């Protein structure tokens, strides 16, 4: 798995992600925040733009975030692309990324709709969040009610990263190679993919249930990508064997 050449789509995705991160750093040094335009904000946020549904997959919060995602893309993406082909791999990557956006924002929608009436009872206007939202620490800082701060977090904290797409690829790998042995850095014992990956998915689900508005990790985005990856590759694998 480590010695094979990197296939074309995986290689190009690695390059594009790297270029997006480099551009983000260059623009930031000149006082221009690309995150405000290319990260994915909640659809009711004044910062939301339709193209963010795609561009957020190539934005990363810092070099560590980028490095972990690109390592996983290289390690698992190379194998999955070789197995399913370039076209299907590209479909997998983008559909998993879209699935992560969809599930993440569906869960956010449920939370936001629960918070809105509470904010109204406290005397806030919805336009304070949907039209004139500003980052936490400005108009709604530490002295503001928790409801207002949580609601503001949903409108001003964007989702970034290829993690949703990566989870789709990771699950695809597990479906294609269930008996492949994997190891975690903090638990250096080989575990078969058919056990390792479900454990990771369940762990993400449990963390997501904590429902922290200010949680910097989009756990349900990971789950959305994982679900799409599972459905797609199960379908492709099933139809592949039907051809014989």
C-alpha atoms as a PDB file:
ATOM      1  CA  UNK A   1       0.000   0.000   0.000  1.00  0.00           C
ATOM      2  CA  UNK A   2       2.859   2.391   0.719  1.00  0.00           C
ATOM      3  CA  UNK A   3       5.105   1.604  -2.259  1.00  0.00           C
ATOM      4  CA  UNK A   4       2.663   1.946  -5.122  1.00  0.00           C
ATOM      5  CA  UNK A   5       2.714   5.181  -7.165  1.00  0.00           C
ATOM      6  CA  UNK A   6       0.087   7.766  -6.312  1.00  0.00           C
ATOM      7  CA  UNK A   7      -2.764   7.562  -8.869  1.00  0.00           C
ATOM      8  CA  UNK A   8      -3.683  10.673 -10.839  1.00  0.00           C
ATOM      9  CA  UNK A   9      -6.883  11.779  -9.070  1.00  0.00           C
ATOM     10  CA  UNK A  10      -5.411  11.304  -5.608  1.00  0.00           C
ATOM     11  CA  UNK A  11      -2.267  13.157  -6.649  1.00  0.00           C
ATOM     12  CA  UNK A  12      -4.261  16.079  -8.084  1.00  0.00           C
ATOM     13  CA  UNK A  13      -6.474  16.293  -5.007  1.00  0.00           C
ATOM     14  CA  UNK A  14      -3.366  16.433  -2.820  1.00  0.00           C
ATOM     15  CA  UNK A  15      -1.988  19.264  -4.956  1.00  0.00           C
ATOM     16  CA  UNK A  16      -5.275  21.217  -5.002  1.00  0.00           C
ATOM     17  CA  UNK A  17      -5.669  20.975  -1.236  1.00  0.00           C
ATOM     18  CA  UNK A  18      -2.099  22.159  -0.788  1.00  0.00           C
ATOM     19  CA  UNK A  19      -2.610  25.085  -3.167  1.00  0.00           C
ATOM     20  CA  UNK A  20      -5.769  26.175  -1.371  1.00  0.00           C
ATOM     21  CA  UNK A  21      -3.913  26.174   1.944  1.00  0.00           C
ATOM     22  CA  UNK A  22      -0.998  28.111   0.465  1.00  0.00           C
ATOM     23  CA  UNK A  23      -3.372  30.658  -1.063  1.00  0.00           C
ATOM     24  CA  UNK A  24      -5.135  31.030   2.289  1.00  0.00           C
ATOM     25  CA  UNK A  25      -1.838  31.823   4.010  1.00  0.00           C
ATOM     26  CA  UNK A  26      -0.744  34.274   1.295  1.00  0.00           C
ATOM     27  CA  UNK A  27      -4.047  36.164   1.292  1.00  0.00           C
ATOM     28  CA  UNK A  28      -4.135  36.206   5.094  1.00  0.00           C
ATOM     29  CA  UNK A  29      -0.694  37.818   5.169  1.00  0.00           C
ATOM     30  CA  UNK A  30      -2.169  40.585   3.022  1.00  0.00           C
ATOM     31  CA  UNK A  31      -5.167  41.113   5.257  1.00  0.00           C
ATOM     32  CA  UNK A  32      -7.721  39.144   3.223  1.00  0.00           C
ATOM     33  CA  UNK A  33      -9.580  36.272   4.915  1.00  0.00           C
ATOM     34  CA  UNK A  34     -10.387  33.513   2.426  1.00  0.00           C
ATOM     35  CA  UNK A  35     -12.200  31.526   5.105  1.00  0.00           C
ATOM     36  CA  UNK A  36     -14.997  34.104   5.053  1.00  0.00           C
ATOM     37  CA  UNK A  37     -15.654  33.266   1.388  1.00  0.00           C
ATOM     38  CA  UNK A  38     -14.588  29.639   0.874  1.00  0.00           C
ATOM     39  CA  UNK A  39     -15.349  27.897   4.180  1.00  0.00           C
ATOM     40  CA  UNK A  40     -18.890  26.500   4.576  1.00  0.00           C
ATOM     41  CA  UNK A  41     -21.170  28.560   6.800  1.00  0.00           C
ATOM     42  CA  UNK A  42     -24.656  27.636   7.961  1.00  0.00           C
ATOM     43  CA  UNK A  43     -27.023  28.431   5.041  1.00  0.00           C
ATOM     44  CA  UNK A  44     -28.881  31.157   7.005  1.00  0.00           C
ATOM     45  CA  UNK A  45     -25.647  32.909   7.936  1.00  0.00           C
ATOM     46  CA  UNK A  46     -24.858  36.224   6.238  1.00  0.00           C
ATOM     47  CA  UNK A  47     -21.479  34.719   5.416  1.00  0.00           C
ATOM     48  CA  UNK A  48     -22.934  31.808   3.418  1.00  0.00           C
ATOM     49  CA  UNK A  49     -22.377  31.588  -0.364  1.00  0.00           C
ATOM     50  CA  UNK A  50     -23.551  28.650  -2.533  1.00  0.00           C
ATOM     51  CA  UNK A  51     -20.064  27.821  -3.802  1.00  0.00           C
ATOM     52  CA  UNK A  52     -18.958  27.068  -0.237  1.00  0.00           C
ATOM     53  CA  UNK A  53     -20.720  23.704  -0.539  1.00  0.00           C
ATOM     54  CA  UNK A  54     -17.778  22.640  -2.726  1.00  0.00           C
ATOM     55  CA  UNK A  55     -14.917  24.943  -1.737  1.00  0.00           C
ATOM     56  CA  UNK A  56     -15.011  24.006   1.963  1.00  0.00           C
ATOM     57  CA  UNK A  57     -13.612  20.573   1.030  1.00  0.00           C
ATOM     58  CA  UNK A  58     -10.288  22.185   0.122  1.00  0.00           C
ATOM     59  CA  UNK A  59      -9.966  24.595   3.058  1.00  0.00           C
ATOM     60  CA  UNK A  60      -8.150  23.608   6.265  1.00  0.00           C
ATOM     61  CA  UNK A  61      -7.850  25.266   9.636  1.00  0.00           C
ATOM     62  CA  UNK A  62      -4.095  24.858  10.072  1.00  0.00           C
ATOM     63  CA  UNK A  63      -1.117  22.871   8.848  1.00  0.00           C
ATOM     64  CA  UNK A  64      -1.817  19.984  11.260  1.00  0.00           C
ATOM     65  CA  UNK A  65      -5.389  19.671  10.003  1.00  0.00           C
ATOM     66  CA  UNK A  66      -4.126  19.657   6.419  1.00  0.00           C
ATOM     67  CA  UNK A  67      -1.312  17.185   7.147  1.00  0.00           C
ATOM     68  CA  UNK A  68      -3.567  14.587   8.808  1.00  0.00           C
ATOM     69  CA  UNK A  69      -6.161  14.770   6.043  1.00  0.00           C
ATOM     70  CA  UNK A  70      -3.614  14.606   3.243  1.00  0.00           C
ATOM     71  CA  UNK A  71      -1.806  11.694   4.885  1.00  0.00           C
ATOM     72  CA  UNK A  72      -5.102   9.778   5.022  1.00  0.00           C
ATOM     73  CA  UNK A  73      -5.951  10.783   1.448  1.00  0.00           C
ATOM     74  CA  UNK A  74      -2.572   9.529   0.235  1.00  0.00           C
ATOM     75  CA  UNK A  75      -2.611   6.314   2.251  1.00  0.00           C
ATOM     76  CA  UNK A  76      -6.214   5.199   1.688  1.00  0.00           C
ATOM     77  CA  UNK A  77      -7.128   7.184  -1.407  1.00  0.00           C
ATOM     78  CA  UNK A  78      -4.357   5.644  -3.479  1.00  0.00           C
ATOM     79  CA  UNK A  79      -5.633   2.149  -2.751  1.00  0.00           C
ATOM     80  CA  UNK A  80      -9.315   2.974  -3.224  1.00  0.00           C
ATOM     81  CA  UNK A  81      -8.706   4.842  -6.495  1.00  0.00           C
ATOM     82  CA  UNK A  82      -6.676   1.924  -7.852  1.00  0.00           C
ATOM     83  CA  UNK A  83      -9.531  -0.412  -6.916  1.00  0.00           C
ATOM     84  CA  UNK A  84     -12.568   1.507  -8.216  1.00  0.00           C
ATOM     85  CA  UNK A  85     -10.976   3.619 -10.960  1.00  0.00           C
ATOM     86  CA  UNK A  86     -10.380   7.344 -11.332  1.00  0.00           C
ATOM     87  CA  UNK A  87     -13.934   8.327 -12.317  1.00  0.00           C
ATOM     88  CA  UNK A  88     -15.655   6.506  -9.469  1.00  0.00           C
ATOM     89  CA  UNK A  89     -13.045   7.695  -6.988  1.00  0.00           C
ATOM     90  CA  UNK A  90     -13.672  11.319  -7.973  1.00  0.00           C
ATOM     91  CA  UNK A  91     -17.417  10.753  -7.585  1.00  0.00           C
ATOM     92  CA  UNK A  92     -16.785   9.191  -4.176  1.00  0.00           C
ATOM     93  CA  UNK A  93     -14.661  12.112  -3.013  1.00  0.00           C
ATOM     94  CA  UNK A  94     -17.126  14.823  -3.965  1.00  0.00           C
ATOM     95  CA  UNK A  95     -20.313  12.987  -2.983  1.00  0.00           C
ATOM     96  CA  UNK A  96     -18.833  12.126   0.417  1.00  0.00           C
ATOM     97  CA  UNK A  97     -17.892  15.783   0.835  1.00  0.00           C
ATOM     98  CA  UNK A  98     -21.426  16.856  -0.116  1.00  0.00           C
ATOM     99  CA  UNK A  99     -22.886  14.243   2.220  1.00  0.00           C
ATOM    100  CA  UNK A 100     -20.794  15.622   5.062  1.00  0.00           C
ATOM    101  CA  UNK A 101     -22.094  19.143   4.376  1.00  0.00           C
ATOM    102  CA  UNK A 102     -25.699  17.903   4.207  1.00  0.00           C
ATOM    103  CA  UNK A 103     -25.712  15.877   7.439  1.00  0.00           C
ATOM    104  CA  UNK A 104     -23.709  18.471   9.380  1.00  0.00           C
ATOM    105  CA  UNK A 105     -26.112  21.248   8.433  1.00  0.00           C
ATOM    106  CA  UNK A 106     -29.205  19.106   8.978  1.00  0.00           C
ATOM    107  CA  UNK A 107     -28.072  18.500  12.561  1.00  0.00           C
ATOM    108  CA  UNK A 108     -27.239  22.201  12.882  1.00  0.00           C
ATOM    109  CA  UNK A 109     -30.714  23.047  11.595  1.00  0.00           C
ATOM    110  CA  UNK A 110     -32.317  20.991  14.362  1.00  0.00           C
ATOM    111  CA  UNK A 111     -30.192  22.744  16.977  1.00  0.00           C
ATOM    112  CA  UNK A 112     -30.736  26.235  15.549  1.00  0.00           C
ATOM    113  CA  UNK A 113     -34.506  25.795  15.388  1.00  0.00           C
ATOM    114  CA  UNK A 114     -34.504  24.764  19.060  1.00  0.00           C
ATOM    115  CA  UNK A 115     -32.467  27.832  20.037  1.00  0.00           C
ATOM    116  CA  UNK A 116     -34.428  30.434  18.062  1.00  0.00           C
ATOM    117  CA  UNK A 117     -37.528  30.588  20.309  1.00  0.00           C
ATOM    118  CA  UNK A 118     -35.317  30.714  23.407  1.00  0.00           C
ATOM    119  CA  UNK A 119     -33.399  33.658  21.963  1.00  0.00           C
ATOM    120  CA  UNK A 120     -36.672  35.434  21.111  1.00  0.00           C
ATOM    121  CA  UNK A 121     -37.913  34.977  24.678  1.00  0.00           C
ATOM    122  CA  UNK A 122     -34.760  36.734  25.886  1.00  0.00           C
ATOM    123  CA  UNK A 123     -35.481  39.724  23.634  1.00  0.00           C
ATOM    124  CA  UNK A 124     -33.103  39.011  20.764  1.00  0.00           C
ATOM    125  CA  UNK A 125     -34.165  39.434  17.140  1.00  0.00           C
ATOM    126  CA  UNK A 126     -33.476  36.704  14.599  1.00  0.00           C
ATOM    127  CA  UNK A 127     -32.012  39.336  12.277  1.00  0.00           C
ATOM    128  CA  UNK A 128     -29.282  39.832  14.877  1.00  0.00           C
ATOM    129  CA  UNK A 129     -28.047  36.398  13.793  1.00  0.00           C
ATOM    130  CA  UNK A 130     -29.206  35.956  10.173  1.00  0.00           C
ATOM    131  CA  UNK A 131     -28.351  39.432   8.837  1.00  0.00           C
ATOM    132  CA  UNK A 132     -25.874  41.143  11.141  1.00  0.00           C
ATOM    133  CA  UNK A 133     -24.043  38.224  12.713  1.00  0.00           C
ATOM    134  CA  UNK A 134     -20.524  38.940  13.942  1.00  0.00           C
ATOM    135  CA  UNK A 135     -17.977  36.560  15.480  1.00  0.00           C
ATOM    136  CA  UNK A 136     -18.383  35.619  19.135  1.00  0.00           C
ATOM    137  CA  UNK A 137     -16.472  38.023  21.327  1.00  0.00           C
ATOM    138  CA  UNK A 138     -17.885  41.122  19.662  1.00  0.00           C
ATOM    139  CA  UNK A 139     -21.559  41.967  20.207  1.00  0.00           C
ATOM    140  CA  UNK A 140     -22.327  38.721  22.071  1.00  0.00           C
ATOM    141  CA  UNK A 141     -19.321  38.044  24.238  1.00  0.00           C
ATOM    142  CA  UNK A 142     -18.854  36.278  27.543  1.00  0.00           C
ATOM    143  CA  UNK A 143     -21.493  38.436  29.228  1.00  0.00           C
ATOM    144  CA  UNK A 144     -24.242  37.416  26.821  1.00  0.00           C
ATOM    145  CA  UNK A 145     -26.728  34.628  27.646  1.00  0.00           C
ATOM    146  CA  UNK A 146     -25.525  31.142  26.687  1.00  0.00           C
ATOM    147  CA  UNK A 147     -28.449  30.758  24.264  1.00  0.00           C
ATOM    148  CA  UNK A 148     -27.325  33.819  22.294  1.00  0.00           C
ATOM    149  CA  UNK A 149     -23.702  32.683  22.249  1.00  0.00           C
ATOM    150  CA  UNK A 150     -24.643  29.178  21.102  1.00  0.00           C
ATOM    151  CA  UNK A 151     -26.904  30.497  18.352  1.00  0.00           C
ATOM    152  CA  UNK A 152     -24.239  32.951  17.227  1.00  0.00           C
ATOM    153  CA  UNK A 153     -21.738  30.084  17.079  1.00  0.00           C
ATOM    154  CA  UNK A 154     -23.906  28.220  14.572  1.00  0.00           C
ATOM    155  CA  UNK A 155     -24.011  31.289  12.329  1.00  0.00           C
ATOM    156  CA  UNK A 156     -20.363  32.302  12.563  1.00  0.00           C
ATOM    157  CA  UNK A 157     -18.334  29.074  12.892  1.00  0.00           C
ATOM    158  CA  UNK A 158     -17.663  27.627   9.428  1.00  0.00           C
ATOM    159  CA  UNK A 159     -16.964  24.041   8.455  1.00  0.00           C
ATOM    160  CA  UNK A 160     -13.644  23.462   6.697  1.00  0.00           C
ATOM    161  CA  UNK A 161     -11.614  20.501   5.565  1.00  0.00           C
ATOM    162  CA  UNK A 162     -11.597  17.380   3.460  1.00  0.00           C
ATOM    163  CA  UNK A 163     -12.446  15.229   6.487  1.00  0.00           C
ATOM    164  CA  UNK A 164     -15.933  14.317   5.255  1.00  0.00           C
ATOM    165  CA  UNK A 165     -14.541  13.155   1.931  1.00  0.00           C
ATOM    166  CA  UNK A 166     -11.700  11.366   3.741  1.00  0.00           C
ATOM    167  CA  UNK A 167     -14.142   9.468   5.952  1.00  0.00           C
ATOM    168  CA  UNK A 168     -15.984   8.386   2.824  1.00  0.00           C
ATOM    169  CA  UNK A 169     -12.709   7.064   1.423  1.00  0.00           C
ATOM    170  CA  UNK A 170     -11.797   5.411   4.728  1.00  0.00           C
ATOM    171  CA  UNK A 171     -15.116   3.563   4.889  1.00  0.00           C
ATOM    172  CA  UNK A 172     -14.769   2.638   1.209  1.00  0.00           C
ATOM    173  CA  UNK A 173     -11.396   1.096   2.031  1.00  0.00           C
ATOM    174  CA  UNK A 174     -12.984  -0.889   4.850  1.00  0.00           C
ATOM    175  CA  UNK A 175     -15.713  -2.223   2.547  1.00  0.00           C
ATOM    176  CA  UNK A 176     -13.212  -3.173  -0.155  1.00  0.00           C
ATOM    177  CA  UNK A 177     -10.557  -4.603   2.178  1.00  0.00           C
ATOM    178  CA  UNK A 178     -12.289  -5.654   5.427  1.00  0.00           C
ATOM    179  CA  UNK A 179      -9.429  -7.898   6.542  1.00  0.00           C
ATOM    180  CA  UNK A 180      -6.638  -5.367   5.983  1.00  0.00           C
ATOM    181  CA  UNK A 181      -4.888  -4.643   9.291  1.00  0.00           C
ATOM    182  CA  UNK A 182      -4.610  -1.054  10.510  1.00  0.00           C
ATOM    183  CA  UNK A 183      -2.973   0.523  13.545  1.00  0.00           C
ATOM    184  CA  UNK A 184      -3.658   3.684  15.567  1.00  0.00           C
ATOM    185  CA  UNK A 185      -0.697   5.700  16.814  1.00  0.00           C
ATOM    186  CA  UNK A 186      -2.012   5.645  20.388  1.00  0.00           C
ATOM    187  CA  UNK A 187      -2.945   1.936  20.204  1.00  0.00           C
ATOM    188  CA  UNK A 188      -0.150   0.243  18.211  1.00  0.00           C
ATOM    189  CA  UNK A 189      -1.868  -3.104  17.824  1.00  0.00           C
ATOM    190  CA  UNK A 190      -3.014  -4.262  14.342  1.00  0.00           C
ATOM    191  CA  UNK A 191      -6.819  -4.255  13.999  1.00  0.00           C
ATOM    192  CA  UNK A 192      -8.732  -5.453  10.943  1.00  0.00           C
ATOM    193  CA  UNK A 193     -10.406  -2.683   8.969  1.00  0.00           C
ATOM    194  CA  UNK A 194     -13.847  -4.258   9.451  1.00  0.00           C
ATOM    195  CA  UNK A 195     -13.456  -3.617  13.201  1.00  0.00           C
ATOM    196  CA  UNK A 196     -11.256  -0.521  13.218  1.00  0.00           C
ATOM    197  CA  UNK A 197     -13.412   1.658  10.963  1.00  0.00           C
ATOM    198  CA  UNK A 198     -16.794   0.956  12.639  1.00  0.00           C
ATOM    199  CA  UNK A 199     -15.173   1.800  15.995  1.00  0.00           C
ATOM    200  CA  UNK A 200     -14.060   5.155  14.586  1.00  0.00           C
ATOM    201  CA  UNK A 201     -17.537   5.840  13.164  1.00  0.00           C
ATOM    202  CA  UNK A 202     -19.275   5.005  16.459  1.00  0.00           C
ATOM    203  CA  UNK A 203     -16.763   7.186  18.310  1.00  0.00           C
ATOM    204  CA  UNK A 204     -17.577  10.121  16.004  1.00  0.00           C
ATOM    205  CA  UNK A 205     -21.300   9.556  16.549  1.00  0.00           C
ATOM    206  CA  UNK A 206     -20.950   9.586  20.337  1.00  0.00           C
ATOM    207  CA  UNK A 207     -18.879  12.771  20.240  1.00  0.00           C
ATOM    208  CA  UNK A 208     -21.408  14.385  17.910  1.00  0.00           C
ATOM    209  CA  UNK A 209     -24.255  13.638  20.333  1.00  0.00           C
ATOM    210  CA  UNK A 210     -22.680  15.974  22.866  1.00  0.00           C
ATOM    211  CA  UNK A 211     -24.094  18.835  20.759  1.00  0.00           C
ATOM    212  CA  UNK A 212     -21.539  21.487  21.604  1.00  0.00           C
ATOM    213  CA  UNK A 213     -22.211  24.508  19.392  1.00  0.00           C
ATOM    214  CA  UNK A 214     -18.636  25.677  19.874  1.00  0.00           C
ATOM    215  CA  UNK A 215     -17.055  22.236  19.244  1.00  0.00           C
ATOM    216  CA  UNK A 216     -14.310  22.872  16.657  1.00  0.00           C
ATOM    217  CA  UNK A 217     -14.673  19.341  15.212  1.00  0.00           C
ATOM    218  CA  UNK A 218     -17.595  18.665  12.851  1.00  0.00           C
ATOM    219  CA  UNK A 219     -18.337  15.102  13.949  1.00  0.00           C
ATOM    220  CA  UNK A 220     -21.561  14.765  11.987  1.00  0.00           C
ATOM    221  CA  UNK A 221     -19.738  15.965   8.870  1.00  0.00           C
ATOM    222  CA  UNK A 222     -17.449  12.959   9.273  1.00  0.00           C
ATOM    223  CA  UNK A 223     -20.476  10.696   9.645  1.00  0.00           C
ATOM    224  CA  UNK A 224     -22.133  12.151   6.557  1.00  0.00           C
ATOM    225  CA  UNK A 225     -19.073  11.351   4.467  1.00  0.00           C
ATOM    226  CA  UNK A 226     -18.828   7.872   6.002  1.00  0.00           C
ATOM    227  CA  UNK A 227     -22.457   7.077   5.142  1.00  0.00           C
ATOM    228  CA  UNK A 228     -22.041   8.124   1.516  1.00  0.00           C
ATOM    229  CA  UNK A 229     -18.795   6.167   1.217  1.00  0.00           C
ATOM    230  CA  UNK A 230     -20.446   3.033   2.566  1.00  0.00           C
ATOM    231  CA  UNK A 231     -23.506   3.296   0.283  1.00  0.00           C
ATOM    232  CA  UNK A 232     -21.520   4.019  -2.876  1.00  0.00           C
ATOM    233  CA  UNK A 233     -18.873   1.338  -2.499  1.00  0.00           C
ATOM    234  CA  UNK A 234     -21.346  -1.315  -1.348  1.00  0.00           C
ATOM    235  CA  UNK A 235     -23.374  -0.577  -4.473  1.00  0.00           C
ATOM    236  CA  UNK A 236     -20.332  -0.650  -6.760  1.00  0.00           C
ATOM    237  CA  UNK A 237     -18.970  -3.823  -5.171  1.00  0.00           C
ATOM    238  CA  UNK A 238     -22.328  -5.581  -5.422  1.00  0.00           C
ATOM    239  CA  UNK A 239     -22.763  -4.702  -9.096  1.00  0.00           C
ATOM    240  CA  UNK A 240     -19.157  -5.625  -9.879  1.00  0.00           C
ATOM    241  CA  UNK A 241     -19.672  -9.191  -8.710  1.00  0.00           C
ATOM    242  CA  UNK A 242     -22.961  -9.400 -10.617  1.00  0.00           C
ATOM    243  CA  UNK A 243     -20.997  -9.030 -13.862  1.00  0.00           C
ATOM    244  CA  UNK A 244     -19.420 -12.478 -13.458  1.00  0.00           C
END
